[in-house]
Each structure stands twice: as C-alpha cells, then as structure tokens.
Amino acid sequence: MHLIEFTPAAKEAIVHFQNTLKIPTDYFLRVGIKQKNSQDKGLLIGFDAKNDKDKAANIDGIEVIYQAGQIFFFAGMVIDFQEQNGRSGFKFVEKSKLIQTQ
C-alpha cells in the first residue's frame, strides 16, 4: 500500500501546475495538515521546499514530502482533482468512498 494515492486527474493537474506555475525544481509536493486549533485540522496539498524534518516518497513518479507525525491524518487516502460548477481543486477522499462512487 502506498502512503497515499493519486487519481489520474490529480496526477495530470499536479504536472500541469508544476509546468505552468514554474515551480522550482527543488520544491516537492507537500501533503500534510494545517491546524487552526486542536479541534480544527484540515488536510493540505501544495508545493514546498524540503526541510530537515520532512520525509520523502516517490508515488507514481511524483516526489511527495510530509512530516512523519502527520502521516496518520492522510495515510491511505486518495487525492483527486475535481472540477464542478466553475470551481476546481484537489480533494482528499477515503479510498473506500472513491470506490463506491465509481
């Protein structure tokens, strides 16, 4: 099992953003949590430079970085890219829920 998985739409969007936004070559795809307070945690995805506390993994050819202590919040999730009602963005989906909708 991978740390996380990407849908084909997510992989295509990641490559598109890397190319069109001219992301520096020493930046990687960061997956983690953003914490507003102890009860309000949200998952995040974005490009960032690796630091000494980060772990790294190559998933489907995409270099992913994360902080080891945050892995329990997103391990086993699938990252999808969706476009609906004129809006688009990445979404974390539990694998079991993704399978049910297909």
Protein backbone atom coordinates (compact mmCIF):
# COMPACT_ATOMS: atom_id res chain seq x y z
CA MET A 1 0.00 0.00 0.00
CA HIS A 2 1.21 3.47 -0.85
CA LEU A 3 1.35 6.27 1.65
CA ILE A 4 -1.30 8.00 -0.48
CA GLU A 5 -2.61 7.51 -4.00
CA PHE A 6 -3.47 9.88 -6.82
CA THR A 7 -6.30 9.64 -9.30
CA PRO A 8 -5.32 10.15 -12.95
CA ALA A 9 -6.97 13.60 -12.81
CA ALA A 10 -4.84 14.57 -9.79
CA LYS A 11 -1.60 13.41 -11.41
CA GLU A 12 -2.42 15.36 -14.56
CA ALA A 13 -3.23 18.51 -12.54
CA ILE A 14 -0.03 18.25 -10.47
CA VAL A 15 2.14 18.03 -13.59
CA HIS A 16 0.16 20.87 -15.20
CA PHE A 17 0.68 23.14 -12.16
CA GLN A 18 4.37 22.27 -11.90
CA ASN A 19 4.85 23.33 -15.51
CA THR A 20 2.57 26.35 -15.77
CA LEU A 21 3.42 27.85 -12.37
CA LYS A 22 7.14 27.26 -12.94
CA ILE A 23 7.61 25.53 -9.59
CA PRO A 24 11.35 25.46 -8.71
CA THR A 25 13.00 22.07 -9.22
CA ASP A 26 13.93 21.87 -5.53
CA TYR A 27 10.26 22.08 -4.50
CA PHE A 28 8.17 18.97 -3.98
CA LEU A 29 4.51 18.19 -3.45
CA ARG A 30 3.80 18.66 0.27
CA VAL A 31 0.96 16.70 1.81
CA GLY A 32 0.04 17.40 5.41
CA ILE A 33 -2.32 19.06 7.81
CA LYS A 34 -2.98 22.67 8.60
CA GLN A 35 -4.05 23.15 12.17
CA LYS A 36 -6.10 26.13 13.22
CA ASN A 37 -6.63 24.78 16.73
CA SER A 38 -6.70 21.40 18.46
CA GLN A 39 -10.14 20.53 17.08
CA ASP A 40 -9.90 22.11 13.62
CA LYS A 41 -7.46 20.29 11.36
CA GLY A 42 -7.60 20.34 7.59
CA LEU A 43 -5.56 18.46 5.03
CA LEU A 44 -3.32 20.45 2.71
CA ILE A 45 -1.53 19.93 -0.56
CA GLY A 46 0.94 22.32 -2.19
CA PHE A 47 4.48 22.76 -3.46
CA ASP A 48 7.21 23.42 -0.92
CA ALA A 49 10.92 23.05 -0.25
CA LYS A 50 12.01 20.04 1.77
CA ASN A 51 13.35 20.69 5.27
CA ASP A 52 15.33 18.54 7.71
CA LYS A 53 12.20 17.24 9.46
CA ASP A 54 10.50 16.05 6.26
CA LYS A 55 10.18 12.52 4.99
CA ALA A 56 10.01 11.89 1.25
CA ALA A 57 8.39 9.31 -1.00
CA ASN A 58 8.08 8.85 -4.74
CA ILE A 59 4.47 7.99 -5.54
CA ASP A 60 3.61 7.33 -9.17
CA GLY A 61 6.59 9.45 -10.26
CA ILE A 62 5.63 12.38 -8.02
CA GLU A 63 8.04 13.38 -5.27
CA VAL A 64 5.96 13.84 -2.11
CA ILE A 65 7.20 15.32 1.16
CA TYR A 66 5.47 15.19 4.54
CA GLN A 67 6.16 15.43 8.25
CA ALA A 68 6.29 11.98 9.82
CA GLY A 69 3.97 12.90 12.70
CA GLN A 70 1.21 13.92 10.30
CA ILE A 71 1.09 10.68 8.32
CA PHE A 72 -1.78 9.27 10.39
CA PHE A 73 -4.09 12.02 9.13
CA PHE A 74 -3.72 11.16 5.44
CA ALA A 75 -2.26 7.65 5.13
CA GLY A 76 -4.37 5.52 2.83
CA MET A 77 -6.20 8.49 1.32
CA VAL A 78 -6.62 9.17 -2.38
CA ILE A 79 -6.00 12.66 -3.75
CA ASP A 80 -8.37 13.60 -6.54
CA PHE A 81 -8.69 16.74 -8.67
CA GLN A 82 -12.25 17.81 -9.34
CA GLU A 83 -13.91 20.49 -11.42
CA GLN A 84 -17.50 21.37 -10.53
CA ASN A 85 -19.68 24.44 -11.00
CA GLY A 86 -16.80 26.50 -12.36
CA ARG A 87 -14.54 25.66 -9.41
CA SER A 88 -11.65 23.27 -9.32
CA GLY A 89 -9.32 21.88 -6.72
CA PHE A 90 -7.73 18.94 -5.01
CA LYS A 91 -9.74 16.80 -2.66
CA PHE A 92 -8.71 14.10 -0.21
CA VAL A 93 -11.03 11.10 -0.46
CA GLU A 94 -11.09 7.91 1.58
CA LYS A 95 -10.32 5.06 -0.79
CA SER A 96 -13.44 3.13 0.20
CA LYS A 97 -15.65 6.14 -0.64
CA LEU A 98 -13.92 6.66 -4.00
CA ILE A 99 -14.55 3.04 -4.96
CA GLN A 100 -18.24 3.35 -4.06
CA THR A 101 -18.74 6.34 -6.37
CA GLN A 102 -17.14 4.75 -9.41
